[in-house]
Amino acid sequence: MDVKDASHFSLDPKSVFRNSALYREFLLEREEILKHKWHLSEQAGHDVGFEKGLLDWIVKHRAAWRATREKEIAKEKEIC
């Protein structure tokens, strides 16, 4: 493998972390939590805070969201 072929590989630990599937899943989940927090805050008429949004989302939506994500990931793997 020459240098040109290895250019997409990085030795930077932060880059490896940012490109990991686990980190991408974390970012997607965080985005959903923040959307949920926004909706709760709109309903309440004030910022309810991240912790309340997080806990409410976990109790009400996380299981269904994870199940949907797992199906999406499985479909992606079938395509590849």
Protein backbone atom coordinates (compact mmCIF):
# COMPACT_ATOMS: atom_id res chain seq x y z
CA MET A 1 0.00 0.00 0.00
CA ASP A 2 1.52 3.31 -0.98
CA VAL A 3 1.06 6.65 0.78
CA LYS A 4 -1.70 7.68 -1.62
CA ASP A 5 -3.80 4.61 -0.67
CA ALA A 6 -3.24 5.14 3.05
CA SER A 7 -4.30 8.79 3.01
CA HIS A 8 -7.81 8.00 4.26
CA PHE A 9 -6.36 6.28 7.35
CA SER A 10 -5.42 8.62 10.15
CA LEU A 11 -3.19 7.99 13.11
CA ASP A 12 -4.90 10.79 15.00
CA PRO A 13 -6.81 9.13 17.89
CA LYS A 14 -9.48 11.86 17.79
CA SER A 15 -10.09 11.17 14.11
CA VAL A 16 -10.43 7.44 14.74
CA PHE A 17 -12.91 8.14 17.53
CA ARG A 18 -14.96 10.62 15.47
CA ASN A 19 -15.20 8.16 12.60
CA SER A 20 -16.30 5.24 14.77
CA ALA A 21 -19.78 3.78 14.42
CA LEU A 22 -20.31 4.14 18.16
CA TYR A 23 -19.63 7.88 18.04
CA ARG A 24 -21.92 8.34 15.03
CA GLU A 25 -24.71 6.53 16.89
CA PHE A 26 -24.10 8.74 19.92
CA LEU A 27 -24.44 11.86 17.76
CA LEU A 28 -27.69 10.62 16.22
CA GLU A 29 -29.13 9.78 19.62
CA ARG A 30 -28.05 13.13 21.07
CA GLU A 31 -29.76 14.91 18.18
CA GLU A 32 -33.03 13.11 18.96
CA ILE A 33 -32.70 14.01 22.66
CA LEU A 34 -32.14 17.66 21.83
CA LYS A 35 -35.19 17.70 19.53
CA HIS A 36 -37.27 16.14 22.30
CA LYS A 37 -35.95 18.68 24.82
CA TRP A 38 -36.93 21.47 22.44
CA HIS A 39 -40.49 20.12 22.11
CA LEU A 40 -40.83 19.77 25.88
CA SER A 41 -39.51 23.30 26.36
CA GLU A 42 -41.96 24.68 23.81
CA GLN A 43 -44.84 22.96 25.59
CA ALA A 44 -43.69 24.23 28.99
CA GLY A 45 -43.00 27.75 27.77
CA HIS A 46 -39.45 27.69 29.14
CA ASP A 47 -36.23 25.70 28.81
CA VAL A 48 -36.76 22.44 30.70
CA GLY A 49 -33.05 21.61 30.69
CA PHE A 50 -31.08 18.81 29.15
CA GLU A 51 -31.44 16.38 32.05
CA LYS A 52 -35.25 16.52 32.03
CA GLY A 53 -35.31 16.18 28.24
CA LEU A 54 -32.90 13.26 28.37
CA LEU A 55 -34.77 11.37 31.09
CA ASP A 56 -38.16 11.94 29.45
CA TRP A 57 -36.82 10.80 26.07
CA ILE A 58 -35.24 7.67 27.58
CA VAL A 59 -38.47 6.68 29.32
CA LYS A 60 -40.82 7.46 26.42
CA HIS A 61 -38.87 7.05 23.18
CA ARG A 62 -35.46 5.39 23.45
CA ALA A 63 -36.53 1.75 23.11
CA ALA A 64 -38.53 2.43 19.94
CA TRP A 65 -35.78 4.65 18.52
CA ARG A 66 -33.13 1.96 19.14
CA ALA A 67 -35.31 -0.72 17.53
CA THR A 68 -35.77 1.46 14.45
CA ARG A 69 -32.03 2.22 14.28
CA GLU A 70 -31.17 -1.47 14.53
CA LYS A 71 -33.49 -2.22 11.59
CA GLU A 72 -31.91 0.61 9.57
CA ILE A 73 -28.41 -0.68 10.34
CA ALA A 74 -29.41 -4.21 9.36
CA LYS A 75 -30.79 -2.95 6.02
CA GLU A 76 -27.57 -1.00 5.40
CA LYS A 77 -25.54 -4.15 6.00
CA GLU A 78 -27.72 -6.11 3.57
CA ILE A 79 -27.09 -3.51 0.86
CA CYS A 80 -23.30 -3.61 1.31
